[in-house]
Amino acid sequence: MQIFMEYKVHDDYVVDYERLMPHIKEAMKQFNVRNYRAYKAFDQPNLFVEMFEVTNQQEYEYVKSSRRDENEPVFGKLAPLITKPLANMNCWAFIEQMENN
Protein backbone atom coordinates (compact mmCIF):
# COMPACT_ATOMS: atom_id res chain seq x y z
CA MET A 1 0.00 0.00 0.00
CA GLN A 2 1.52 3.30 -1.12
CA ILE A 3 0.86 6.29 1.15
CA PHE A 4 1.05 9.97 0.21
CA MET A 5 0.97 12.76 2.79
CA GLU A 6 0.73 16.23 1.29
CA TYR A 7 0.79 19.67 2.87
CA LYS A 8 1.77 23.27 2.21
CA VAL A 9 4.16 25.11 4.51
CA HIS A 10 3.68 28.80 5.35
CA ASP A 11 6.23 31.02 3.59
CA ASP A 12 7.64 32.21 6.92
CA TYR A 13 8.23 28.67 8.22
CA VAL A 14 10.09 26.90 5.42
CA VAL A 15 13.42 27.05 7.28
CA ASP A 16 11.77 25.69 10.44
CA TYR A 17 10.20 22.93 8.37
CA GLU A 18 13.56 21.99 6.85
CA ARG A 19 15.03 21.77 10.37
CA LEU A 20 12.15 19.56 11.52
CA MET A 21 12.23 17.10 8.62
CA PRO A 22 15.24 15.02 9.80
CA HIS A 23 13.36 14.44 13.06
CA ILE A 24 10.19 13.45 11.20
CA LYS A 25 12.15 11.05 9.00
CA GLU A 26 13.71 9.48 12.08
CA ALA A 27 10.37 9.24 13.89
CA MET A 28 8.79 7.48 10.89
CA LYS A 29 11.09 4.53 11.59
CA GLN A 30 8.91 3.58 14.57
CA PHE A 31 6.17 2.58 12.12
CA ASN A 32 8.34 0.24 10.05
CA VAL A 33 7.34 2.02 6.87
CA ARG A 34 9.25 1.12 3.74
CA ASN A 35 10.74 3.30 1.01
CA TYR A 36 10.18 6.58 2.85
CA ARG A 37 10.81 9.62 0.66
CA ALA A 38 10.12 13.34 1.05
CA TYR A 39 9.65 15.67 -1.92
CA LYS A 40 9.28 19.39 -2.53
CA ALA A 41 7.04 20.41 -5.41
CA PHE A 42 8.84 21.76 -8.46
CA ASP A 43 6.07 24.07 -9.63
CA GLN A 44 4.08 24.83 -6.47
CA PRO A 45 5.84 26.92 -3.80
CA ASN A 46 6.16 25.32 -0.37
CA LEU A 47 4.16 22.21 -1.27
CA PHE A 48 5.63 19.01 0.15
CA VAL A 49 4.79 15.33 -0.18
CA GLU A 50 5.98 12.40 1.88
CA MET A 51 5.66 8.97 0.30
CA PHE A 52 6.10 5.57 1.89
CA GLU A 53 4.71 2.06 1.93
CA VAL A 54 2.86 0.13 4.62
CA THR A 55 1.67 -3.46 4.63
CA ASN A 56 -2.04 -3.06 5.35
CA GLN A 57 -4.94 -0.74 6.16
CA GLN A 58 -4.44 -1.08 9.92
CA GLU A 59 -0.87 0.23 9.63
CA TYR A 60 -2.06 3.04 7.35
CA GLU A 61 -4.74 4.16 9.81
CA TYR A 62 -2.27 4.08 12.70
CA VAL A 63 0.35 6.14 10.85
CA LYS A 64 -2.28 8.60 9.62
CA SER A 65 -3.75 9.18 13.08
CA SER A 66 -0.28 9.56 14.62
CA ARG A 67 0.85 12.03 11.98
CA ARG A 68 -2.30 14.12 12.45
CA ASP A 69 -1.99 14.25 16.25
CA GLU A 70 -0.96 17.72 17.46
CA ASN A 71 0.02 16.23 20.83
CA GLU A 72 2.50 13.79 19.28
CA PRO A 73 5.98 14.98 20.37
CA VAL A 74 7.61 15.09 16.92
CA PHE A 75 4.80 15.11 14.37
CA GLY A 76 2.81 17.71 16.31
CA LYS A 77 5.57 20.24 15.68
CA LEU A 78 4.43 20.36 12.06
CA ALA A 79 1.06 21.88 13.07
CA PRO A 80 2.06 25.56 13.25
CA LEU A 81 4.16 25.31 10.09
CA ILE A 82 1.46 24.20 7.64
CA THR A 83 -1.40 26.14 6.08
CA LYS A 84 -4.25 23.91 7.23
CA PRO A 85 -4.97 22.16 10.53
CA LEU A 86 -2.76 19.14 11.12
CA ALA A 87 -5.87 17.01 11.64
CA ASN A 88 -6.85 17.82 8.03
CA MET A 89 -3.46 17.12 6.46
CA ASN A 90 -3.99 15.31 3.15
CA CYS A 91 -3.23 11.63 3.44
CA TRP A 92 -4.04 9.08 0.76
CA ALA A 93 -3.52 5.34 0.45
CA PHE A 94 -3.23 3.60 -2.91
CA ILE A 95 -3.00 -0.04 -3.83
CA GLU A 96 -1.25 -1.15 -6.97
CA GLN A 97 -3.55 -1.68 -9.93
CA MET A 98 -2.91 -5.09 -11.41
CA GLU A 99 -3.27 -5.66 -15.13
CA ASN A 100 -6.03 -7.95 -16.30
CA ASN A 101 -4.69 -10.92 -18.21
PDB file of N, CA and C in Angstrom:
ATOM      1  N   MET A   1       0.851  -1.161   0.000  1.00  0.00           N
ATOM      2  CA  MET A   1       0.000   0.000   0.000  1.00  0.00           C
ATOM      3  C   MET A   1       0.905   1.235   0.000  1.00  0.00           C
ATOM      4  N   GLN A   2       0.723   2.079  -0.975  1.00  0.00           N
ATOM      5  CA  GLN A   2       1.524   3.305  -1.118  1.00  0.00           C
ATOM      6  C   GLN A   2       0.783   4.456  -0.451  1.00  0.00           C
ATOM      7  N   ILE A   3       1.467   5.190   0.407  1.00  0.00           N
ATOM      8  CA  ILE A   3       0.862   6.294   1.150  1.00  0.00           C
ATOM      9  C   ILE A   3       1.486   7.615   0.701  1.00  0.00           C
ATOM     10  N   PHE A   4       0.625   8.612   0.544  1.00  0.00           N
ATOM     11  CA  PHE A   4       1.048   9.967   0.210  1.00  0.00           C
ATOM     12  C   PHE A   4       0.508  10.904   1.283  1.00  0.00           C
ATOM     13  N   MET A   5       1.381  11.710   1.857  1.00  0.00           N
ATOM     14  CA  MET A   5       0.969  12.761   2.788  1.00  0.00           C
ATOM     15  C   MET A   5       1.402  14.076   2.160  1.00  0.00           C
ATOM     16  N   GLU A   6       0.448  14.993   2.014  1.00  0.00           N
ATOM     17  CA  GLU A   6       0.726  16.233   1.286  1.00  0.00           C
ATOM     18  C   GLU A   6       0.280  17.425   2.119  1.00  0.00           C
ATOM     19  N   TYR A   7       1.111  18.473   2.109  1.00  0.00           N
ATOM     20  CA  TYR A   7       0.789  19.674   2.868  1.00  0.00           C
ATOM     21  C   TYR A   7       1.580  20.848   2.309  1.00  0.00           C
ATOM     22  N   LYS A   8       1.087  22.038   2.619  1.00  0.00           N
ATOM     23  CA  LYS A   8       1.770  23.267   2.205  1.00  0.00           C
ATOM     24  C   LYS A   8       2.278  23.969   3.462  1.00  0.00           C
ATOM     25  N   VAL A   9       3.517  24.434   3.386  1.00  0.00           N
ATOM     26  CA  VAL A   9       4.161  25.114   4.508  1.00  0.00           C
ATOM     27  C   VAL A   9       4.035  26.625   4.310  1.00  0.00           C
ATOM     28  N   HIS A  10       3.725  27.335   5.396  1.00  0.00           N
ATOM     29  CA  HIS A  10       3.682  28.803   5.346  1.00  0.00           C
ATOM     30  C   HIS A  10       5.039  29.341   4.886  1.00  0.00           C
ATOM     31  N   ASP A  11       5.002  30.402   4.097  1.00  0.00           N
ATOM     32  CA  ASP A  11       6.234  31.020   3.595  1.00  0.00           C
ATOM     33  C   ASP A  11       7.239  31.311   4.711  1.00  0.00           C
ATOM     34  N   ASP A  12       6.762  31.804   5.824  1.00  0.00           N
ATOM     35  CA  ASP A  12       7.643  32.212   6.922  1.00  0.00           C
ATOM     36  C   ASP A  12       8.248  31.044   7.697  1.00  0.00           C
ATOM     37  N   TYR A  13       7.785  29.811   7.420  1.00  0.00           N
ATOM     38  CA  TYR A  13       8.227  28.670   8.218  1.00  0.00           C
ATOM     39  C   TYR A  13       8.984  27.602   7.433  1.00  0.00           C
ATOM     40  N   VAL A  14       9.393  27.902   6.241  1.00  0.00           N
ATOM     41  CA  VAL A  14      10.087  26.898   5.424  1.00  0.00           C
ATOM     42  C   VAL A  14      11.400  26.465   6.083  1.00  0.00           C
ATOM     43  N   VAL A  15      12.156  27.397   6.620  1.00  0.00           N
ATOM     44  CA  VAL A  15      13.422  27.047   7.278  1.00  0.00           C
ATOM     45  C   VAL A  15      13.155  26.169   8.502  1.00  0.00           C
ATOM     46  N   ASP A  16      12.131  26.509   9.281  1.00  0.00           N
ATOM     47  CA  ASP A  16      11.770  25.687  10.442  1.00  0.00           C
ATOM     48  C   ASP A  16      11.355  24.282   9.998  1.00  0.00           C
ATOM     49  N   TYR A  17      10.614  24.221   8.912  1.00  0.00           N
ATOM     50  CA  TYR A  17      10.197  22.925   8.365  1.00  0.00           C
ATOM     51  C   TYR A  17      11.421  22.091   7.971  1.00  0.00           C
ATOM     52  N   GLU A  18      12.358  22.714   7.280  1.00  0.00           N
ATOM     53  CA  GLU A  18      13.557  21.989   6.850  1.00  0.00           C
ATOM     54  C   GLU A  18      14.372  21.494   8.048  1.00  0.00           C
ATOM     55  N   ARG A  19      14.350  22.223   9.144  1.00  0.00           N
ATOM     56  CA  ARG A  19      15.031  21.773  10.370  1.00  0.00           C
ATOM     57  C   ARG A  19      14.287  20.618  11.038  1.00  0.00           C
ATOM     58  N   LEU A  20      12.970  20.603  10.903  1.00  0.00           N
ATOM     59  CA  LEU A  20      12.147  19.562  11.521  1.00  0.00           C
ATOM     60  C   LEU A  20      12.190  18.246  10.754  1.00  0.00           C
ATOM     61  N   MET A  21      12.348  18.306   9.443  1.00  0.00           N
ATOM     62  CA  MET A  21      12.232  17.098   8.618  1.00  0.00           C
ATOM     63  C   MET A  21      13.164  15.954   9.015  1.00  0.00           C
ATOM     64  N   PRO A  22      14.419  16.172   9.367  1.00  0.00           N
ATOM     65  CA  PRO A  22      15.238  15.024   9.797  1.00  0.00           C
ATOM     66  C   PRO A  22      14.641  14.302  11.006  1.00  0.00           C
ATOM     67  N   HIS A  23      13.990  15.038  11.883  1.00  0.00           N
ATOM     68  CA  HIS A  23      13.357  14.437  13.059  1.00  0.00           C
ATOM     69  C   HIS A  23      12.110  13.647  12.661  1.00  0.00           C
ATOM     70  N   ILE A  24      11.361  14.175  11.696  1.00  0.00           N
ATOM     71  CA  ILE A  24      10.186  13.448  11.197  1.00  0.00           C
ATOM     72  C   ILE A  24      10.630  12.159  10.523  1.00  0.00           C
ATOM     73  N   LYS A  25      11.645  12.252   9.686  1.00  0.00           N
ATOM     74  CA  LYS A  25      12.146  11.050   9.005  1.00  0.00           C
ATOM     75  C   LYS A  25      12.586   9.994  10.011  1.00  0.00           C
ATOM     76  N   GLU A  26      13.268  10.420  11.047  1.00  0.00           N
ATOM     77  CA  GLU A  26      13.714   9.480  12.082  1.00  0.00           C
ATOM     78  C   GLU A  26      12.519   8.880  12.823  1.00  0.00           C
ATOM     79  N   ALA A  27      11.547   9.713  13.156  1.00  0.00           N
ATOM     80  CA  ALA A  27      10.370   9.239  13.888  1.00  0.00           C
ATOM     81  C   ALA A  27       9.528   8.270  13.061  1.00  0.00           C
ATOM     82  N   MET A  28       9.566   8.398  11.751  1.00  0.00           N
ATOM     83  CA  MET A  28       8.795   7.485  10.894  1.00  0.00           C
ATOM     84  C   MET A  28       9.300   6.052  11.004  1.00  0.00           C
ATOM     85  N   LYS A  29      10.528   5.877  11.457  1.00  0.00           N
ATOM     86  CA  LYS A  29      11.088   4.525  11.588  1.00  0.00           C
ATOM     87  C   LYS A  29      10.321   3.681  12.603  1.00  0.00           C
ATOM     88  N   GLN A  30       9.669   4.326  13.566  1.00  0.00           N
ATOM     89  CA  GLN A  30       8.908   3.580  14.570  1.00  0.00           C
ATOM     90  C   GLN A  30       7.740   2.817  13.954  1.00  0.00           C
ATOM     91  N   PHE A  31       7.309   3.218  12.774  1.00  0.00           N
ATOM     92  CA  PHE A  31       6.169   2.579  12.117  1.00  0.00           C
ATOM     93  C   PHE A  31       6.576   1.448  11.180  1.00  0.00           C
ATOM     94  N   ASN A  32       7.851   1.252  10.998  1.00  0.00           N
ATOM     95  CA  ASN A  32       8.339   0.235  10.051  1.00  0.00           C
ATOM     96  C   ASN A  32       7.820   0.465   8.637  1.00  0.00           C
ATOM     97  N   VAL A  33       7.722   1.734   8.250  1.00  0.00           N
ATOM     98  CA  VAL A  33       7.337   2.021   6.867  1.00  0.00           C
ATOM     99  C   VAL A  33       8.514   1.689   5.959  1.00  0.00           C
ATOM    100  N   ARG A  34       8.212   1.440   4.717  1.00  0.00           N
ATOM    101  CA  ARG A  34       9.254   1.117   3.739  1.00  0.00           C
ATOM    102  C   ARG A  34       9.328   2.222   2.687  1.00  0.00           C
ATOM    103  N   ASN A  35      10.516   2.381   2.134  1.00  0.00           N
ATOM    104  CA  ASN A  35      10.742   3.304   1.008  1.00  0.00           C
ATOM    105  C   ASN A  35      10.263   4.726   1.302  1.00  0.00           C
ATOM    106  N   TYR A  36      10.569   5.220   2.475  1.00  0.00           N
ATOM    107  CA  TYR A  36      10.177   6.579   2.849  1.00  0.00           C
ATOM    108  C   TYR A  36      10.945   7.591   2.002  1.00  0.00           C
ATOM    109  N   ARG A  37      10.211   8.542   1.449  1.00  0.00           N
ATOM    110  CA  ARG A  37      10.806   9.619   0.662  1.00  0.00           C
ATOM    111  C   ARG A  37      10.043  10.912   0.946  1.00  0.00           C
ATOM    112  N   ALA A  38      10.743  12.031   0.892  1.00  0.00           N
ATOM    113  CA  ALA A  38      10.116  13.341   1.048  1.00  0.00           C
ATOM    114  C   ALA A  38      10.469  14.176  -0.176  1.00  0.00           C
ATOM    115  N   TYR A  39       9.475  14.885  -0.701  1.00  0.00           N
ATOM    116  CA  TYR A  39       9.650  15.668  -1.919  1.00  0.00           C
ATOM    117  C   TYR A  39       9.120  17.082  -1.734  1.00  0.00           C
ATOM    118  N   LYS A  40       9.757  18.012  -2.438  1.00  0.00           N
ATOM    119  CA  LYS A  40       9.284  19.391  -2.529  1.00  0.00           C
ATOM    120  C   LYS A  40       8.784  19.597  -3.950  1.00  0.00           C
ATOM    121  N   ALA A  41       7.619  20.203  -4.087  1.00  0.00           N
ATOM    122  CA  ALA A  41       7.041  20.414  -5.415  1.00  0.00           C
ATOM    123  C   ALA A  41       7.937  21.316  -6.252  1.00  0.00           C
ATOM    124  N   PHE A  42       8.043  20.985  -7.516  1.00  0.00           N
ATOM    125  CA  PHE A  42       8.840  21.760  -8.458  1.00  0.00           C
ATOM    126  C   PHE A  42       8.123  23.044  -8.857  1.00  0.00           C
ATOM    127  N   ASP A  43       6.815  22.949  -9.062  1.00  0.00           N
ATOM    128  CA  ASP A  43       6.071  24.069  -9.633  1.00  0.00           C
ATOM    129  C   ASP A  43       5.023  24.675  -8.696  1.00  0.00           C
ATOM    130  N   GLN A  44       5.020  24.268  -7.438  1.00  0.00           N
ATOM    131  CA  GLN A  44       4.079  24.829  -6.470  1.00  0.00           C
ATOM    132  C   GLN A  44       4.858  25.202  -5.206  1.00  0.00           C
ATOM    133  N   PRO A  45       5.017  26.482  -4.936  1.00  0.00           N
ATOM    134  CA  PRO A  45       5.838  26.915  -3.802  1.00  0.00           C
ATOM    135  C   PRO A  45       5.388  26.314  -2.471  1.00  0.00           C
ATOM    136  N   ASN A  46       6.357  25.810  -1.738  1.00  0.00           N
ATOM    137  CA  ASN A  46       6.162  25.323  -0.371  1.00  0.00           C
ATOM    138  C   ASN A  46       5.202  24.144  -0.242  1.00  0.00           C
ATOM    139  N   LEU A  47       4.988  23.419  -1.317  1.00  0.00           N
ATOM    140  CA  LEU A  47       4.165  22.211  -1.267  1.00  0.00           C
ATOM    141  C   LEU A  47       5.094  21.013  -1.115  1.00  0.00           C
ATOM    142  N   PHE A  48       4.788  20.158  -0.152  1.00  0.00           N
ATOM    143  CA  PHE A  48       5.631  19.006   0.150  1.00  0.00           C
ATOM    144  C   PHE A  48       4.798  17.735   0.176  1.00  0.00           C
ATOM    145  N   VAL A  49       5.430  16.642  -0.207  1.00  0.00           N
ATOM    146  CA  VAL A  49       4.791  15.327  -0.180  1.00  0.00           C
ATOM    147  C   VAL A  49       5.759  14.349   0.459  1.00  0.00           C
ATOM    148  N   GLU A  50       5.227  13.527   1.339  1.00  0.00           N
ATOM    149  CA  GLU A  50       5.976  12.398   1.878  1.00  0.00           C
ATOM    150  C   GLU A  50       5.332  11.140   1.311  1.00  0.00           C
ATOM    151  N   MET A  51       6.155  10.217   0.865  1.00  0.00           N
ATOM    152  CA  MET A  51       5.662   8.967   0.297  1.00  0.00           C
ATOM    153  C   MET A  51       6.332   7.814   1.021  1.00  0.00           C
ATOM    154  N   PHE A  52       5.558   6.761   1.257  1.00  0.00           N
ATOM    155  CA  PHE A  52       6.100   5.566   1.893  1.00  0.00           C
ATOM    156  C   PHE A  52       5.115   4.421   1.717  1.00  0.00           C
ATOM    157  N   GLU A  53       5.553   3.246   2.061  1.00  0.00           N
ATOM    158  CA  GLU A  53       4.712   2.062   1.929  1.00  0.00           C
ATOM    159  C   GLU A  53       4.450   1.445   3.297  1.00  0.00           C
ATOM    160  N   VAL A  54       3.235   0.919   3.452  1.00  0.00           N
ATOM    161  CA  VAL A  54       2.862   0.127   4.621  1.00  0.00           C
ATOM    162  C   VAL A  54       2.266  -1.180   4.122  1.00  0.00           C
ATOM    163  N   THR A  55       2.122  -2.130   5.028  1.00  0.00           N
ATOM    164  CA  THR A  55       1.667  -3.460   4.635  1.00  0.00           C
ATOM    165  C   THR A  55       0.158  -3.570   4.494  1.00  0.00           C
ATOM    166  N   ASN A  56      -0.593  -2.859   5.361  1.00  0.00           N
ATOM    167  CA  ASN A  56      -2.045  -3.059   5.351  1.00  0.00           C
ATOM    168  C   ASN A  56      -2.781  -1.808   5.834  1.00  0.00           C
ATOM    169  N   GLN A  57      -4.107  -1.880   5.798  1.00  0.00           N
ATOM    170  CA  GLN A  57      -4.937  -0.741   6.164  1.00  0.00           C
ATOM    171  C   GLN A  57      -4.775  -0.370   7.635  1.00  0.00           C
ATOM    172  N   GLN A  58      -4.612  -1.346   8.495  1.00  0.00           N
ATOM    173  CA  GLN A  58      -4.438  -1.075   9.919  1.00  0.00           C
ATOM    174  C   GLN A  58      -3.187  -0.225  10.159  1.00  0.00           C
ATOM    175  N   GLU A  59      -2.091  -0.568   9.504  1.00  0.00           N
ATOM    176  CA  GLU A  59      -0.867   0.231   9.629  1.00  0.00           C
ATOM    177  C   GLU A  59      -1.084   1.634   9.082  1.00  0.00           C
ATOM    178  N   TYR A  60      -1.769   1.735   7.955  1.00  0.00           N
ATOM    179  CA  TYR A  60      -2.063   3.038   7.351  1.00  0.00           C
ATOM    180  C   TYR A  60      -2.840   3.921   8.329  1.00  0.00           C
ATOM    181  N   GLU A  61      -3.905   3.381   8.895  1.00  0.00           N
ATOM    182  CA  GLU A  61      -4.739   4.161   9.808  1.00  0.00           C
ATOM    183  C   GLU A  61      -3.949   4.608  11.040  1.00  0.00           C
ATOM    184  N   TYR A  62      -3.076   3.746  11.530  1.00  0.00           N
ATOM    185  CA  TYR A  62      -2.267   4.083  12.702  1.00  0.00           C
ATOM    186  C   TYR A  62      -1.276   5.208  12.385  1.00  0.00           C
ATOM    187  N   VAL A  63      -0.596   5.099  11.258  1.00  0.00           N
ATOM    188  CA  VAL A  63       0.353   6.145  10.854  1.00  0.00           C
ATOM    189  C   VAL A  63      -0.392   7.454  10.626  1.00  0.00           C
ATOM    190  N   LYS A  64      -1.507   7.391   9.916  1.00  0.00           N
ATOM    191  CA  LYS A  64      -2.276   8.602   9.616  1.00  0.00           C
ATOM    192  C   LYS A  64      -2.729   9.294  10.903  1.00  0.00           C
ATOM    193  N   SER A  65      -3.270   8.549  11.843  1.00  0.00           N
ATOM    194  CA  SER A  65      -3.747   9.178  13.082  1.00  0.00           C
ATOM    195  C   SER A  65      -2.579   9.743  13.895  1.00  0.00           C
ATOM    196  N   SER A  66      -1.455   9.056  13.901  1.00  0.00           N
ATOM    197  CA  SER A  66      -0.280   9.559  14.625  1.00  0.00           C
ATOM    198  C   SER A  66       0.258  10.831  13.993  1.00  0.00           C
ATOM    199  N   ARG A  67       0.310  10.860  12.686  1.00  0.00           N
ATOM    200  CA  ARG A  67       0.846  12.029  11.976  1.00  0.00           C
ATOM    201  C   ARG A  67      -0.059  13.244  12.110  1.00  0.00           C
ATOM    202  N   ARG A  68      -1.345  13.022  12.317  1.00  0.00           N
ATOM    203  CA  ARG A  68      -2.302  14.121  12.448  1.00  0.00           C
ATOM    204  C   ARG A  68      -2.522  14.563  13.895  1.00  0.00           C
ATOM    205  N   ASP A  69      -1.806  13.986  14.823  1.00  0.00           N
ATOM    206  CA  ASP A  69      -1.992  14.253  16.251  1.00  0.00           C
ATOM    207  C   ASP A  69      -1.108  15.421  16.694  1.00  0.00           C
ATOM    208  N   GLU A  70      -1.725  16.546  17.040  1.00  0.00           N
ATOM    209  CA  GLU A  70      -0.963  17.725  17.462  1.00  0.00           C
ATOM    210  C   GLU A  70      -0.226  17.504  18.773  1.00  0.00           C
ATOM    211  N   ASN A  71      -0.627  16.515  19.546  1.00  0.00           N
ATOM    212  CA  ASN A  71       0.025  16.232  20.827  1.00  0.00           C
ATOM    213  C   ASN A  71       1.184  15.257  20.694  1.00  0.00           C
ATOM    214  N   GLU A  72       1.389  14.722  19.501  1.00  0.00           N
ATOM    215  CA  GLU A  72       2.496  13.790  19.280  1.00  0.00           C
ATOM    216  C   GLU A  72       3.790  14.607  19.337  1.00  0.00           C
ATOM    217  N   PRO A  73       4.794  14.157  20.109  1.00  0.00           N
ATOM    218  CA  PRO A  73       5.985  14.980  20.374  1.00  0.00           C
ATOM    219  C   PRO A  73       6.756  15.463  19.146  1.00  0.00           C
ATOM    220  N   VAL A  74       6.870  14.667  18.113  1.00  0.00           N
ATOM    221  CA  VAL A  74       7.608  15.091  16.917  1.00  0.00           C
ATOM    222  C   VAL A  74       6.651  15.585  15.846  1.00  0.00           C
ATOM    223  N   PHE A  75       5.690  14.768  15.477  1.00  0.00           N
ATOM    224  CA  PHE A  75       4.800  15.111  14.369  1.00  0.00           C
ATOM    225  C   PHE A  75       3.935  16.329  14.675  1.00  0.00           C
ATOM    226  N   GLY A  76       3.606  16.551  15.934  1.00  0.00           N
ATOM    227  CA  GLY A  76       2.806  17.706  16.314  1.00  0.00           C
ATOM    228  C   GLY A  76       3.495  19.033  16.045  1.00  0.00           C
ATOM    229  N   LYS A  77       4.813  19.015  15.956  1.00  0.00           N
ATOM    230  CA  LYS A  77       5.566  20.242  15.680  1.00  0.00           C
ATOM    231  C   LYS A  77       5.322  20.765  14.267  1.00  0.00           C
ATOM    232  N   LEU A  78       4.751  19.935  13.416  1.00  0.00           N
ATOM    233  CA  LEU A  78       4.428  20.360  12.057  1.00  0.00           C
ATOM    234  C   LEU A  78       3.204  21.279  12.038  1.00  0.00           C
ATOM    235  N   ALA A  79       2.338  21.161  13.042  1.00  0.00           N
ATOM    236  CA  ALA A  79       1.056  21.877  13.066  1.00  0.00           C
ATOM    237  C   ALA A  79       1.170  23.377  12.801  1.00  0.00           C
ATOM    238  N   PRO A  80       2.026  24.115  13.501  1.00  0.00           N
ATOM    239  CA  PRO A  80       2.060  25.561  13.254  1.00  0.00           C
ATOM    240  C   PRO A  80       2.747  25.949  11.943  1.00  0.00           C
ATOM    241  N   LEU A  81       3.387  25.008  11.306  1.00  0.00           N
ATOM    242  CA  LEU A  81       4.155  25.313  10.094  1.00  0.00           C
ATOM    243  C   LEU A  81       3.343  25.199   8.817  1.00  0.00           C
ATOM    244  N   ILE A  82       2.223  24.465   8.866  1.00  0.00           N
ATOM    245  CA  ILE A  82       1.464  24.202   7.642  1.00  0.00           C
ATOM    246  C   ILE A  82       0.214  25.072   7.566  1.00  0.00           C
ATOM    247  N   THR A  83      -0.323  25.186   6.354  1.00  0.00           N
ATOM    248  CA  THR A  83      -1.397  26.139   6.082  1.00  0.00           C
ATOM    249  C   THR A  83      -2.791  25.659   6.450  1.00  0.00           C
ATOM    250  N   LYS A  84      -2.944  24.403   6.798  1.00  0.00           N
ATOM    251  CA  LYS A  84      -4.252  23.912   7.233  1.00  0.00           C
ATOM    252  C   LYS A  84      -4.058  23.156   8.535  1.00  0.00           C
ATOM    253  N   PRO A  85      -5.127  22.901   9.266  1.00  0.00           N
ATOM    254  CA  PRO A  85      -4.971  22.158  10.526  1.00  0.00           C
ATOM    255  C   PRO A  85      -4.317  20.797  10.307  1.00  0.00           C
ATOM    256  N   LEU A  86      -3.456  20.413  11.229  1.00  0.00           N
ATOM    257  CA  LEU A  86      -2.757  19.135  11.124  1.00  0.00           C
ATOM    258  C   LEU A  86      -3.746  17.983  10.992  1.00  0.00           C
ATOM    259  N   ALA A  87      -4.863  18.064  11.688  1.00  0.00           N
ATOM    260  CA  ALA A  87      -5.875  17.006  11.637  1.00  0.00           C
ATOM    261  C   ALA A  87      -6.471  16.847  10.242  1.00  0.00           C
ATOM    262  N   ASN A  88      -6.317  17.866   9.397  1.00  0.00           N
ATOM    263  CA  ASN A  88      -6.849  17.821   8.028  1.00  0.00           C
ATOM    264  C   ASN A  88      -5.764  17.636   6.976  1.00  0.00           C
ATOM    265  N   MET A  89      -4.547  17.327   7.415  1.00  0.00           N
ATOM    266  CA  MET A  89      -3.463  17.117   6.458  1.00  0.00           C
ATOM    267  C   MET A  89      -3.873  16.037   5.459  1.00  0.00           C
ATOM    268  N   ASN A  90      -3.632  16.289   4.179  1.00  0.00           N
ATOM    269  CA  ASN A  90      -3.986  15.314   3.151  1.00  0.00           C
ATOM    270  C   ASN A  90      -3.174  14.042   3.318  1.00  0.00           C
ATOM    271  N   CYS A  91      -3.869  12.930   3.307  1.00  0.00           N
ATOM    272  CA  CYS A  91      -3.228  11.627   3.443  1.00  0.00           C
ATOM    273  C   CYS A  91      -4.035  10.633   2.616  1.00  0.00           C
ATOM    274  N   TRP A  92      -3.369  10.010   1.661  1.00  0.00           N
ATOM    275  CA  TRP A  92      -4.043   9.078   0.764  1.00  0.00           C
ATOM    276  C   TRP A  92      -3.311   7.750   0.720  1.00  0.00           C
ATOM    277  N   ALA A  93      -4.081   6.690   0.589  1.00  0.00           N
ATOM    278  CA  ALA A  93      -3.516   5.343   0.451  1.00  0.00           C
ATOM    279  C   ALA A  93      -3.930   4.785  -0.903  1.00  0.00           C
ATOM    280  N   PHE A  94      -2.976   4.202  -1.602  1.00  0.00           N
ATOM    281  CA  PHE A  94      -3.233   3.600  -2.908  1.00  0.00           C
ATOM    282  C   PHE A  94      -2.737   2.166  -2.908  1.00  0.00           C
ATOM    283  N   ILE A  95      -3.470   1.322  -3.605  1.00  0.00           N
ATOM    284  CA  ILE A  95      -2.998  -0.037  -3.830  1.00  0.00           C
ATOM    285  C   ILE A  95      -2.681  -0.173  -5.307  1.00  0.00           C
ATOM    286  N   GLU A  96      -1.707  -0.995  -5.598  1.00  0.00           N
ATOM    287  CA  GLU A  96      -1.252  -1.147  -6.972  1.00  0.00           C
ATOM    288  C   GLU A  96      -2.344  -1.767  -7.828  1.00  0.00           C
ATOM    289  N   GLN A  97      -2.571  -1.171  -8.978  1.00  0.00           N
ATOM    290  CA  GLN A  97      -3.554  -1.682  -9.929  1.00  0.00           C
ATOM    291  C   GLN A  97      -2.907  -2.788 -10.737  1.00  0.00           C
ATOM    292  N   MET A  98      -3.455  -3.954 -10.669  1.00  0.00           N
ATOM    293  CA  MET A  98      -2.911  -5.089 -11.409  1.00  0.00           C
ATOM    294  C   MET A  98      -3.548  -5.141 -12.795  1.00  0.00           C
ATOM    295  N   GLU A  99      -2.755  -5.525 -13.764  1.00  0.00           N
ATOM    296  CA  GLU A  99      -3.268  -5.660 -15.125  1.00  0.00           C
ATOM    297  C   GLU A  99      -4.143  -6.898 -15.230  1.00  0.00           C
ATOM    298  N   ASN A 100      -5.197  -6.777 -16.014  1.00  0.00           N
ATOM    299  CA  ASN A 100      -6.032  -7.945 -16.298  1.00  0.00           C
ATOM    300  C   ASN A 100      -5.379  -8.758 -17.395  1.00  0.00           C
ATOM    301  N   ASN A 101      -5.294 -10.042 -17.196  1.00  0.00           N
ATOM    302  CA  ASN A 101      -4.685 -10.915 -18.211  1.00  0.00           C
ATOM    303  C   ASN A 101      -5.712 -11.419 -19.181  1.00  0.00           C
TER     304      ASN A 101
END
